[in-house]
N, C-alpha and C. Protein backbone atom coordinates (compact mmCIF):
# COMPACT_ATOMS: atom_id res chain seq x y z
N MET A 1 26.13 -35.64 15.11
CA MET A 1 24.81 -35.90 14.58
C MET A 1 23.87 -34.72 14.80
N LYS A 2 23.94 -34.11 16.02
CA LYS A 2 23.10 -32.95 16.30
C LYS A 2 23.44 -31.79 15.37
N LEU A 3 24.72 -31.63 15.07
CA LEU A 3 25.15 -30.55 14.18
C LEU A 3 24.57 -30.74 12.79
N ILE A 4 24.52 -31.96 12.33
CA ILE A 4 23.97 -32.25 11.00
C ILE A 4 22.47 -31.95 10.99
N LYS A 5 21.75 -32.34 12.05
CA LYS A 5 20.32 -32.07 12.13
C LYS A 5 20.04 -30.57 12.17
N ARG A 6 20.83 -29.85 12.96
CA ARG A 6 20.65 -28.40 13.04
C ARG A 6 20.94 -27.74 11.70
N SER A 7 21.99 -28.20 11.05
CA SER A 7 22.32 -27.64 9.73
C SER A 7 21.22 -27.93 8.73
N ALA A 8 20.68 -29.13 8.78
CA ALA A 8 19.60 -29.50 7.86
C ALA A 8 18.36 -28.65 8.12
N VAL A 9 18.04 -28.43 9.38
CA VAL A 9 16.88 -27.59 9.73
C VAL A 9 17.11 -26.16 9.25
N ALA A 10 18.31 -25.63 9.47
CA ALA A 10 18.63 -24.27 9.03
C ALA A 10 18.52 -24.14 7.52
N ILE A 11 19.01 -25.14 6.80
CA ILE A 11 18.93 -25.11 5.34
C ILE A 11 17.48 -25.18 4.89
N LEU A 12 16.68 -26.02 5.52
CA LEU A 12 15.26 -26.11 5.16
C LEU A 12 14.54 -24.79 5.42
N ILE A 13 14.84 -24.15 6.52
CA ILE A 13 14.22 -22.86 6.82
C ILE A 13 14.62 -21.83 5.77
N LEU A 14 15.89 -21.79 5.41
CA LEU A 14 16.35 -20.84 4.39
C LEU A 14 15.69 -21.12 3.04
N LEU A 15 15.56 -22.40 2.69
CA LEU A 15 14.90 -22.75 1.43
C LEU A 15 13.42 -22.35 1.45
N LEU A 16 12.77 -22.54 2.59
CA LEU A 16 11.37 -22.13 2.72
C LEU A 16 11.23 -20.62 2.57
N LEU A 17 12.11 -19.86 3.22
CA LEU A 17 12.08 -18.40 3.10
C LEU A 17 12.32 -17.97 1.66
N LEU A 18 13.27 -18.62 0.99
CA LEU A 18 13.55 -18.30 -0.41
C LEU A 18 12.33 -18.59 -1.27
N PHE A 19 11.68 -19.73 -1.04
CA PHE A 19 10.48 -20.08 -1.78
C PHE A 19 9.38 -19.04 -1.58
N ILE A 20 9.17 -18.62 -0.33
CA ILE A 20 8.15 -17.61 -0.03
C ILE A 20 8.47 -16.29 -0.73
N MET A 21 9.75 -15.89 -0.72
CA MET A 21 10.14 -14.64 -1.37
C MET A 21 9.92 -14.72 -2.88
N ILE A 22 10.26 -15.84 -3.48
CA ILE A 22 10.06 -16.01 -4.93
C ILE A 22 8.58 -15.94 -5.26
N LYS A 23 7.74 -16.63 -4.49
CA LYS A 23 6.29 -16.60 -4.73
C LYS A 23 5.73 -15.18 -4.57
N ASP A 24 6.24 -14.44 -3.59
CA ASP A 24 5.79 -13.06 -3.37
C ASP A 24 6.12 -12.19 -4.58
N VAL A 25 7.33 -12.32 -5.10
CA VAL A 25 7.73 -11.55 -6.28
C VAL A 25 6.88 -11.95 -7.48
N GLN A 26 6.65 -13.25 -7.66
CA GLN A 26 5.83 -13.71 -8.79
C GLN A 26 4.40 -13.18 -8.69
N GLN A 27 3.85 -13.20 -7.49
CA GLN A 27 2.48 -12.70 -7.29
C GLN A 27 2.42 -11.20 -7.56
N GLY A 28 3.41 -10.46 -7.09
CA GLY A 28 3.46 -9.02 -7.35
C GLY A 28 3.60 -8.72 -8.83
N GLN A 29 4.44 -9.50 -9.52
CA GLN A 29 4.62 -9.30 -10.96
C GLN A 29 3.33 -9.61 -11.71
N LYS A 30 2.64 -10.68 -11.31
CA LYS A 30 1.37 -11.02 -11.96
C LYS A 30 0.35 -9.91 -11.76
N HIS A 31 0.25 -9.41 -10.52
CA HIS A 31 -0.70 -8.33 -10.23
C HIS A 31 -0.35 -7.09 -11.04
N TYR A 32 0.94 -6.76 -11.13
CA TYR A 32 1.36 -5.58 -11.87
C TYR A 32 1.00 -5.70 -13.34
N THR A 33 1.29 -6.86 -13.95
CA THR A 33 1.01 -7.00 -15.38
C THR A 33 -0.48 -7.01 -15.67
N GLU A 34 -1.29 -7.45 -14.69
CA GLU A 34 -2.74 -7.44 -14.89
C GLU A 34 -3.33 -6.04 -14.76
N THR A 35 -2.67 -5.17 -14.01
CA THR A 35 -3.25 -3.85 -13.73
C THR A 35 -2.56 -2.70 -14.45
N HIS A 36 -1.53 -2.98 -15.22
CA HIS A 36 -0.81 -1.92 -15.92
C HIS A 36 -0.76 -2.21 -17.42
N PRO A 37 -0.81 -1.18 -18.24
CA PRO A 37 -0.77 -1.38 -19.69
C PRO A 37 0.58 -1.94 -20.13
N ALA A 38 0.53 -2.65 -21.25
CA ALA A 38 1.74 -3.30 -21.74
C ALA A 38 2.75 -2.31 -22.32
N TRP A 39 2.27 -1.18 -22.82
CA TRP A 39 3.17 -0.23 -23.48
C TRP A 39 3.12 1.11 -22.76
N ALA A 40 4.26 1.72 -22.64
CA ALA A 40 4.37 2.98 -21.89
C ALA A 40 3.48 4.07 -22.48
N TRP A 41 3.31 4.10 -23.80
CA TRP A 41 2.52 5.17 -24.40
C TRP A 41 1.03 4.99 -24.13
N GLU A 42 0.61 3.86 -23.60
CA GLU A 42 -0.79 3.68 -23.24
C GLU A 42 -1.11 4.31 -21.88
N THR A 43 -0.06 4.60 -21.12
CA THR A 43 -0.26 5.19 -19.80
C THR A 43 -0.56 6.67 -19.95
N PRO A 44 -1.63 7.16 -19.36
CA PRO A 44 -1.94 8.58 -19.48
C PRO A 44 -0.88 9.45 -18.82
N VAL A 45 -0.73 10.64 -19.36
CA VAL A 45 0.23 11.60 -18.81
C VAL A 45 -0.53 12.55 -17.89
N TYR A 46 -0.03 12.69 -16.68
CA TYR A 46 -0.64 13.59 -15.72
C TYR A 46 0.31 14.74 -15.44
N ASN A 47 -0.26 15.88 -15.16
CA ASN A 47 0.55 17.04 -14.77
C ASN A 47 0.31 17.31 -13.30
N GLY A 48 1.33 17.80 -12.64
CA GLY A 48 1.17 18.09 -11.22
C GLY A 48 2.38 18.82 -10.69
N ASN A 49 2.40 18.99 -9.41
CA ASN A 49 3.51 19.66 -8.74
C ASN A 49 4.19 18.68 -7.81
N ILE A 50 5.47 18.89 -7.61
CA ILE A 50 6.25 18.07 -6.69
C ILE A 50 6.72 18.94 -5.55
N SER A 51 6.58 18.43 -4.35
CA SER A 51 7.05 19.15 -3.16
C SER A 51 7.93 18.22 -2.34
N LEU A 52 8.96 18.78 -1.74
CA LEU A 52 9.85 18.02 -0.87
C LEU A 52 9.58 18.45 0.57
N TYR A 53 9.32 17.47 1.42
CA TYR A 53 9.03 17.76 2.82
C TYR A 53 10.13 17.16 3.69
N LYS A 54 10.64 17.98 4.59
CA LYS A 54 11.70 17.52 5.49
C LYS A 54 11.16 17.05 6.82
N LYS A 55 9.94 17.42 7.13
CA LYS A 55 9.34 17.03 8.41
C LYS A 55 8.00 16.36 8.16
N GLY A 56 7.76 15.29 8.91
CA GLY A 56 6.53 14.54 8.75
C GLY A 56 5.28 15.36 9.02
N GLN A 57 5.36 16.24 10.01
CA GLN A 57 4.19 17.06 10.36
C GLN A 57 3.78 17.94 9.19
N THR A 58 4.75 18.53 8.51
CA THR A 58 4.47 19.37 7.35
C THR A 58 3.90 18.53 6.21
N LEU A 59 4.48 17.36 6.00
CA LEU A 59 4.00 16.46 4.95
C LEU A 59 2.55 16.08 5.17
N PHE A 60 2.22 15.61 6.37
CA PHE A 60 0.86 15.15 6.61
C PHE A 60 -0.15 16.28 6.63
N SER A 61 0.25 17.46 7.07
CA SER A 61 -0.66 18.61 7.00
C SER A 61 -1.02 18.91 5.54
N ALA A 62 0.00 18.92 4.68
CA ALA A 62 -0.24 19.18 3.25
C ALA A 62 -1.03 18.04 2.61
N LEU A 63 -0.69 16.81 2.96
CA LEU A 63 -1.39 15.65 2.40
C LEU A 63 -2.87 15.68 2.77
N PHE A 64 -3.16 15.91 4.04
CA PHE A 64 -4.55 15.95 4.48
C PHE A 64 -5.31 17.09 3.81
N GLN A 65 -4.65 18.22 3.62
CA GLN A 65 -5.29 19.35 2.94
C GLN A 65 -5.58 19.00 1.48
N ASP A 66 -4.61 18.36 0.82
CA ASP A 66 -4.82 17.94 -0.57
C ASP A 66 -5.99 16.96 -0.69
N ILE A 67 -6.07 16.03 0.24
CA ILE A 67 -7.18 15.07 0.21
C ILE A 67 -8.51 15.79 0.41
N LYS A 68 -8.56 16.74 1.35
CA LYS A 68 -9.79 17.50 1.59
C LYS A 68 -10.22 18.27 0.35
N GLU A 69 -9.25 18.76 -0.44
CA GLU A 69 -9.56 19.57 -1.61
C GLU A 69 -9.77 18.74 -2.88
N ALA A 70 -9.58 17.43 -2.80
CA ALA A 70 -9.73 16.57 -3.98
C ALA A 70 -11.14 16.65 -4.53
N LYS A 71 -11.26 16.70 -5.85
CA LYS A 71 -12.56 16.86 -6.49
C LYS A 71 -13.03 15.61 -7.24
N SER A 72 -12.10 14.78 -7.74
CA SER A 72 -12.54 13.62 -8.52
C SER A 72 -11.93 12.30 -8.05
N SER A 73 -10.68 12.33 -7.59
CA SER A 73 -10.06 11.07 -7.18
C SER A 73 -8.89 11.32 -6.23
N VAL A 74 -8.54 10.25 -5.50
CA VAL A 74 -7.40 10.28 -4.59
C VAL A 74 -6.61 9.00 -4.84
N TYR A 75 -5.34 9.14 -5.18
CA TYR A 75 -4.45 8.01 -5.37
C TYR A 75 -3.32 8.12 -4.36
N LEU A 76 -3.13 7.09 -3.53
CA LEU A 76 -2.07 7.11 -2.52
C LEU A 76 -1.32 5.79 -2.52
N HIS A 77 -0.02 5.88 -2.30
CA HIS A 77 0.78 4.68 -2.03
C HIS A 77 1.62 4.95 -0.80
N PHE A 78 1.56 4.03 0.14
CA PHE A 78 2.36 4.15 1.35
C PHE A 78 3.18 2.89 1.53
N TYR A 79 4.41 3.08 1.98
CA TYR A 79 5.26 1.93 2.29
C TYR A 79 4.99 1.44 3.70
N ILE A 80 4.70 2.35 4.62
CA ILE A 80 4.48 1.95 6.00
C ILE A 80 3.20 2.62 6.52
N LEU A 81 2.27 1.81 6.98
CA LEU A 81 1.07 2.30 7.66
C LEU A 81 0.90 1.48 8.93
N ARG A 82 0.59 2.16 9.99
CA ARG A 82 0.42 1.50 11.29
C ARG A 82 -1.00 1.74 11.79
N ASN A 83 -1.36 1.06 12.85
CA ASN A 83 -2.64 1.31 13.51
C ASN A 83 -2.43 2.38 14.57
N ASP A 84 -2.23 3.61 14.11
CA ASP A 84 -2.01 4.72 15.04
C ASP A 84 -2.99 5.84 14.73
N ALA A 85 -2.93 6.90 15.51
CA ALA A 85 -3.87 8.02 15.36
C ALA A 85 -3.74 8.68 13.99
N LEU A 86 -2.53 8.80 13.49
CA LEU A 86 -2.30 9.44 12.19
C LEU A 86 -2.95 8.63 11.07
N THR A 87 -2.77 7.33 11.10
CA THR A 87 -3.37 6.47 10.08
C THR A 87 -4.89 6.48 10.18
N LYS A 88 -5.41 6.49 11.39
CA LYS A 88 -6.86 6.54 11.57
C LYS A 88 -7.43 7.84 11.01
N ARG A 89 -6.70 8.93 11.18
CA ARG A 89 -7.14 10.22 10.63
C ARG A 89 -7.10 10.17 9.09
N LEU A 90 -6.04 9.57 8.55
CA LEU A 90 -5.94 9.41 7.10
C LEU A 90 -7.09 8.57 6.57
N PHE A 91 -7.36 7.44 7.21
CA PHE A 91 -8.44 6.56 6.77
C PHE A 91 -9.79 7.26 6.87
N SER A 92 -9.98 8.07 7.89
CA SER A 92 -11.23 8.81 8.04
C SER A 92 -11.43 9.77 6.87
N LEU A 93 -10.37 10.46 6.48
CA LEU A 93 -10.46 11.38 5.33
C LEU A 93 -10.75 10.61 4.04
N LEU A 94 -10.08 9.48 3.86
CA LEU A 94 -10.31 8.69 2.65
C LEU A 94 -11.75 8.18 2.59
N LYS A 95 -12.28 7.73 3.72
CA LYS A 95 -13.67 7.26 3.75
C LYS A 95 -14.63 8.41 3.46
N GLU A 96 -14.32 9.59 3.98
CA GLU A 96 -15.17 10.76 3.73
C GLU A 96 -15.21 11.08 2.24
N LYS A 97 -14.04 11.06 1.60
CA LYS A 97 -13.99 11.39 0.16
C LYS A 97 -14.69 10.30 -0.67
N ALA A 98 -14.51 9.04 -0.28
CA ALA A 98 -15.18 7.96 -1.00
C ALA A 98 -16.70 8.07 -0.86
N SER A 99 -17.17 8.45 0.32
CA SER A 99 -18.61 8.60 0.53
C SER A 99 -19.18 9.79 -0.23
N GLN A 100 -18.30 10.73 -0.63
CA GLN A 100 -18.72 11.86 -1.46
C GLN A 100 -18.75 11.49 -2.94
N GLY A 101 -18.37 10.24 -3.26
CA GLY A 101 -18.41 9.77 -4.64
C GLY A 101 -17.09 9.84 -5.38
N LEU A 102 -16.01 10.22 -4.71
CA LEU A 102 -14.71 10.27 -5.36
C LEU A 102 -14.14 8.86 -5.49
N ASN A 103 -13.34 8.64 -6.52
CA ASN A 103 -12.60 7.40 -6.66
C ASN A 103 -11.40 7.47 -5.74
N VAL A 104 -11.29 6.52 -4.82
CA VAL A 104 -10.19 6.52 -3.86
C VAL A 104 -9.44 5.20 -3.99
N TYR A 105 -8.13 5.31 -4.23
CA TYR A 105 -7.26 4.15 -4.39
C TYR A 105 -6.13 4.25 -3.39
N LEU A 106 -5.91 3.18 -2.64
CA LEU A 106 -4.84 3.13 -1.66
C LEU A 106 -4.01 1.88 -1.90
N SER A 107 -2.73 2.08 -2.14
CA SER A 107 -1.80 0.97 -2.31
C SER A 107 -0.84 0.99 -1.12
N VAL A 108 -0.64 -0.17 -0.52
CA VAL A 108 0.20 -0.28 0.67
C VAL A 108 1.21 -1.39 0.45
N ASP A 109 2.44 -1.15 0.87
CA ASP A 109 3.45 -2.19 0.80
C ASP A 109 3.02 -3.36 1.67
N LEU A 110 3.17 -4.57 1.15
CA LEU A 110 2.72 -5.76 1.86
C LEU A 110 3.38 -5.92 3.22
N ILE A 111 4.67 -5.67 3.28
CA ILE A 111 5.39 -5.80 4.55
C ILE A 111 5.19 -4.57 5.42
N GLY A 112 5.25 -3.39 4.82
CA GLY A 112 5.10 -2.15 5.59
C GLY A 112 3.71 -1.94 6.15
N GLY A 113 2.73 -2.65 5.61
CA GLY A 113 1.36 -2.52 6.09
C GLY A 113 0.90 -3.69 6.94
N HIS A 114 1.86 -4.48 7.41
CA HIS A 114 1.50 -5.70 8.15
C HIS A 114 0.79 -5.42 9.48
N GLU A 115 0.92 -4.20 10.00
CA GLU A 115 0.27 -3.89 11.28
C GLU A 115 -1.21 -3.55 11.11
N LEU A 116 -1.66 -3.33 9.89
CA LEU A 116 -3.07 -3.00 9.67
C LEU A 116 -3.94 -4.21 10.00
N THR A 117 -5.01 -3.96 10.71
CA THR A 117 -5.90 -5.06 11.07
C THR A 117 -6.87 -5.35 9.93
N ARG A 118 -7.37 -6.56 9.91
CA ARG A 118 -8.35 -6.95 8.90
C ARG A 118 -9.60 -6.06 9.02
N GLU A 119 -9.94 -5.70 10.26
CA GLU A 119 -11.11 -4.85 10.51
C GLU A 119 -10.94 -3.48 9.86
N SER A 120 -9.76 -2.87 10.02
CA SER A 120 -9.54 -1.54 9.43
C SER A 120 -9.55 -1.61 7.91
N ILE A 121 -9.05 -2.70 7.34
CA ILE A 121 -9.06 -2.87 5.88
C ILE A 121 -10.49 -3.03 5.39
N GLU A 122 -11.28 -3.83 6.09
CA GLU A 122 -12.69 -4.03 5.70
C GLU A 122 -13.49 -2.73 5.80
N GLN A 123 -13.20 -1.91 6.80
CA GLN A 123 -13.89 -0.62 6.95
C GLN A 123 -13.57 0.31 5.79
N LEU A 124 -12.37 0.20 5.23
CA LEU A 124 -12.02 1.02 4.07
C LEU A 124 -12.78 0.56 2.83
N LYS A 125 -13.02 -0.71 2.72
CA LYS A 125 -13.70 -1.24 1.53
C LYS A 125 -15.18 -0.91 1.51
N LYS A 126 -15.78 -0.65 2.69
CA LYS A 126 -17.22 -0.38 2.75
C LYS A 126 -17.62 0.85 1.93
N PRO A 127 -16.89 1.97 2.05
CA PRO A 127 -17.28 3.11 1.19
C PRO A 127 -16.65 3.00 -0.20
N ASP A 128 -16.27 1.80 -0.61
CA ASP A 128 -15.73 1.53 -1.95
C ASP A 128 -14.35 2.14 -2.18
N ILE A 129 -13.48 2.04 -1.20
CA ILE A 129 -12.08 2.42 -1.39
C ILE A 129 -11.37 1.20 -1.96
N LYS A 130 -10.68 1.40 -3.06
CA LYS A 130 -9.93 0.30 -3.66
C LYS A 130 -8.58 0.22 -2.96
N ILE A 131 -8.32 -0.87 -2.25
CA ILE A 131 -7.07 -1.03 -1.52
C ILE A 131 -6.35 -2.26 -2.04
N SER A 132 -5.04 -2.09 -2.23
CA SER A 132 -4.23 -3.22 -2.69
C SER A 132 -2.92 -3.24 -1.93
N PHE A 133 -2.36 -4.42 -1.83
CA PHE A 133 -1.07 -4.60 -1.18
C PHE A 133 -0.09 -5.10 -2.23
N SER A 134 1.08 -4.49 -2.26
CA SER A 134 2.07 -4.90 -3.26
C SER A 134 3.43 -5.07 -2.63
């Protein structure tokens, strides 16, 4: 009898997790379709340079320099952001650029950004940084 109860509980937990995952995908799909054009040719074409970084220190030095030199907008997507010194420095730069009147957009992975506090997110929104989780 205990085995049946345990199995039933395990199945219910798995079904709940599956339900949550399906809802998460549906919500992400809805957000994507609301914020992206229906046809590829409606998306503007941007030109730029691509760089490959093998070390995080080199990457963040270049990223911070690019943000400092930005003149009209900053678009960033991160899969993982933590409440650490590096992220605080990044957020400080983004707030500085937003306060200078630049359009600043930050997209963070919903799971990878789970360590961000509500307070740090609200502080980003004050200088009008558009932040989204996907």
